[in-house]
Protein backbone atom coordinates (compact mmCIF):
# COMPACT_ATOMS: atom_id res chain seq x y z
CA UNK A 1 -33.92 23.05 -141.82
CA UNK A 2 -34.98 25.22 -144.74
CA UNK A 3 -35.03 23.47 -148.09
CA UNK A 4 -35.28 25.04 -151.52
CA UNK A 5 -36.78 22.79 -154.19
CA UNK A 6 -36.41 23.32 -157.93
CA UNK A 7 -36.84 21.16 -161.01
CA UNK A 8 -37.52 21.33 -164.67
CA UNK A 9 -40.75 20.01 -166.22
CA UNK A 10 -39.44 16.43 -166.19
CA UNK A 11 -38.89 16.56 -162.45
CA UNK A 12 -42.24 18.08 -161.52
CA UNK A 13 -43.91 14.95 -160.11
CA UNK A 14 -40.90 13.79 -158.09
CA UNK A 15 -40.38 17.34 -156.78
CA UNK A 16 -43.96 17.45 -155.50
CA UNK A 17 -43.62 14.04 -153.84
CA UNK A 18 -40.35 15.02 -152.16
CA UNK A 19 -41.80 18.34 -150.97
CA UNK A 20 -44.63 16.45 -149.30
CA UNK A 21 -42.09 14.09 -147.73
CA UNK A 22 -39.88 16.92 -146.46
CA UNK A 23 -42.91 18.70 -144.97
CA UNK A 24 -43.88 15.46 -143.18
CA UNK A 25 -40.37 15.43 -141.67
CA UNK A 26 -40.89 18.95 -140.34
CA UNK A 27 -38.72 20.96 -142.71
CA UNK A 28 -39.44 24.48 -143.95
CA UNK A 29 -39.95 24.46 -147.72
CA UNK A 30 -39.55 27.01 -150.49
CA UNK A 31 -40.78 25.70 -153.85
CA UNK A 32 -39.01 27.49 -156.71
CA UNK A 33 -41.01 25.78 -159.45
CA UNK A 34 -41.98 25.29 -162.13
CA UNK A 35 -45.71 25.19 -161.51
CA UNK A 36 -46.74 23.21 -164.60
CA UNK A 37 -45.41 20.46 -166.84
CA UNK A 38 -44.88 22.91 -169.69
CA UNK A 39 -41.35 22.55 -171.04
CA UNK A 40 -38.74 24.71 -169.27
CA UNK A 41 -34.94 24.75 -169.21
CA UNK A 42 -33.20 23.08 -166.28
CA UNK A 43 -30.33 25.65 -166.17
CA UNK A 44 -32.85 28.39 -165.37
CA UNK A 45 -34.17 26.51 -162.35
CA UNK A 46 -30.72 25.34 -161.26
CA UNK A 47 -29.59 28.97 -161.29
CA UNK A 48 -32.71 30.02 -159.40
CA UNK A 49 -31.89 27.46 -156.70
CA UNK A 50 -28.25 28.60 -156.55
CA UNK A 51 -29.33 32.22 -156.08
CA UNK A 52 -31.70 31.20 -153.28
CA UNK A 53 -28.87 29.35 -151.53
CA UNK A 54 -26.61 32.39 -151.87
CA UNK A 55 -29.19 34.43 -149.98
CA UNK A 56 -29.62 31.76 -147.28
CA UNK A 57 -26.33 29.85 -146.89
CA UNK A 58 -27.59 27.66 -144.03
CA UNK A 59 -30.35 26.22 -146.22
CA UNK A 60 -30.03 23.17 -148.44
CA UNK A 61 -31.43 22.40 -151.87
CA UNK A 62 -33.20 19.62 -153.72
CA UNK A 63 -32.86 19.68 -157.52
CA UNK A 64 -34.57 17.42 -160.03
CA UNK A 65 -34.57 17.03 -163.79
CA UNK A 66 -35.07 14.03 -166.05
CA UNK A 67 -31.71 12.45 -165.24
CA UNK A 68 -30.44 14.83 -162.56
CA UNK A 69 -27.31 15.40 -164.62
CA UNK A 70 -28.16 18.69 -166.30
CA UNK A 71 -29.50 20.47 -163.25
CA UNK A 72 -26.56 19.32 -161.11
CA UNK A 73 -24.12 20.66 -163.72
CA UNK A 74 -25.97 23.99 -163.75
CA UNK A 75 -25.84 24.18 -159.97
CA UNK A 76 -22.16 23.28 -159.68
CA UNK A 77 -21.20 26.25 -161.85
CA UNK A 78 -21.80 28.33 -158.69
CA UNK A 79 -18.87 28.28 -156.27
CA UNK A 80 -21.05 28.19 -153.14
CA UNK A 81 -22.94 25.09 -154.31
CA UNK A 82 -21.89 21.48 -153.90
CA UNK A 83 -24.62 19.55 -155.69
CA UNK A 84 -24.47 15.79 -155.79
CA UNK A 85 -26.50 13.54 -158.04
CA UNK A 86 -27.54 10.53 -155.97
CA UNK A 87 -29.34 7.30 -156.74
CA UNK A 88 -29.66 5.62 -153.36
CA UNK A 89 -29.31 6.01 -149.59
CA UNK A 90 -25.59 5.18 -149.62
CA UNK A 91 -24.64 7.94 -152.05
CA UNK A 92 -26.98 10.39 -150.29
CA UNK A 93 -25.34 9.66 -146.94
CA UNK A 94 -21.77 9.79 -148.23
CA UNK A 95 -22.25 13.04 -150.12
CA UNK A 96 -23.14 14.75 -146.83
CA UNK A 97 -20.64 12.82 -144.70
CA UNK A 98 -17.61 13.27 -146.97
CA UNK A 99 -18.45 16.09 -149.41
CA UNK A 100 -20.62 18.42 -147.29
CA UNK A 101 -23.02 18.69 -150.23
CA UNK A 102 -25.63 21.39 -149.80
CA UNK A 103 -27.79 20.23 -152.72
CA UNK A 104 -29.07 16.76 -153.47
CA UNK A 105 -30.00 16.11 -157.09
CA UNK A 106 -32.25 13.40 -158.47
CA UNK A 107 -33.22 12.13 -161.90
CA UNK A 108 -36.98 11.62 -162.07
CA UNK A 109 -36.57 9.14 -164.94
CA UNK A 110 -33.95 7.03 -163.15
CA UNK A 111 -35.04 6.76 -159.50
CA UNK A 112 -38.22 5.57 -157.88
CA UNK A 113 -40.20 7.83 -155.57
CA UNK A 114 -39.68 5.67 -152.46
CA UNK A 115 -35.94 5.37 -153.07
CA UNK A 116 -35.74 9.14 -153.56
CA UNK A 117 -37.64 9.71 -150.30
CA UNK A 118 -35.28 7.39 -148.43
CA UNK A 119 -32.26 9.10 -149.98
CA UNK A 120 -33.58 12.55 -149.10
CA UNK A 121 -34.15 11.46 -145.50
CA UNK A 122 -30.60 10.11 -145.30
CA UNK A 123 -29.21 13.34 -146.79
CA UNK A 124 -31.11 15.47 -144.27
CA UNK A 125 -30.14 13.29 -141.29
CA UNK A 126 -26.41 13.11 -142.04
CA UNK A 127 -23.91 15.69 -140.83
CA UNK A 128 -20.58 16.50 -142.46
CA UNK A 129 -17.82 14.44 -140.88
CA UNK A 130 -15.12 17.09 -141.34
CA UNK A 131 -11.62 15.95 -140.43
CA UNK A 132 -9.63 14.82 -143.45
CA UNK A 133 -12.62 15.64 -145.66
CA UNK A 134 -12.53 19.35 -144.74
CA UNK A 135 -9.39 20.10 -146.76
CA UNK A 136 -10.83 18.28 -149.74
CA UNK A 137 -14.08 20.24 -149.60
CA UNK A 138 -12.08 23.49 -149.36
CA UNK A 139 -10.33 22.56 -152.61
CA UNK A 140 -13.69 22.48 -154.39
CA UNK A 141 -14.10 26.26 -154.11
CA UNK A 142 -11.99 28.78 -156.04
CA UNK A 143 -9.28 30.56 -154.08
CA UNK A 144 -9.65 33.94 -155.78
């Protein structure tokens, strides 16, 4: 699976650790930055990730900021994105199983690296269940 990774400056270290983890699992990676810990704005990188997903709809995304809240809000402004902020394996699994999320978001300041790795693995190994959840997911996108 192709994965796009993006963060702000606060998520830099966790992003790098999760990229290494995803590579070890055999996934294709595109790192959208930033390259340094110099202060940047999370909406810019959330939007960059959303644009990448628009160009490759079968890919998934990993987004990280200090809390995960800001970048997930920025991502969810795009109708083709279903970004879910997760804090553990259970929420990572359920967001794929029930919500067909295509982006997993983390808060570098609120989750440990090993927990984030486990959650990412669960997210990547879980398929959308469909069924009764399909109509709910369809209601998340505008009908225009």
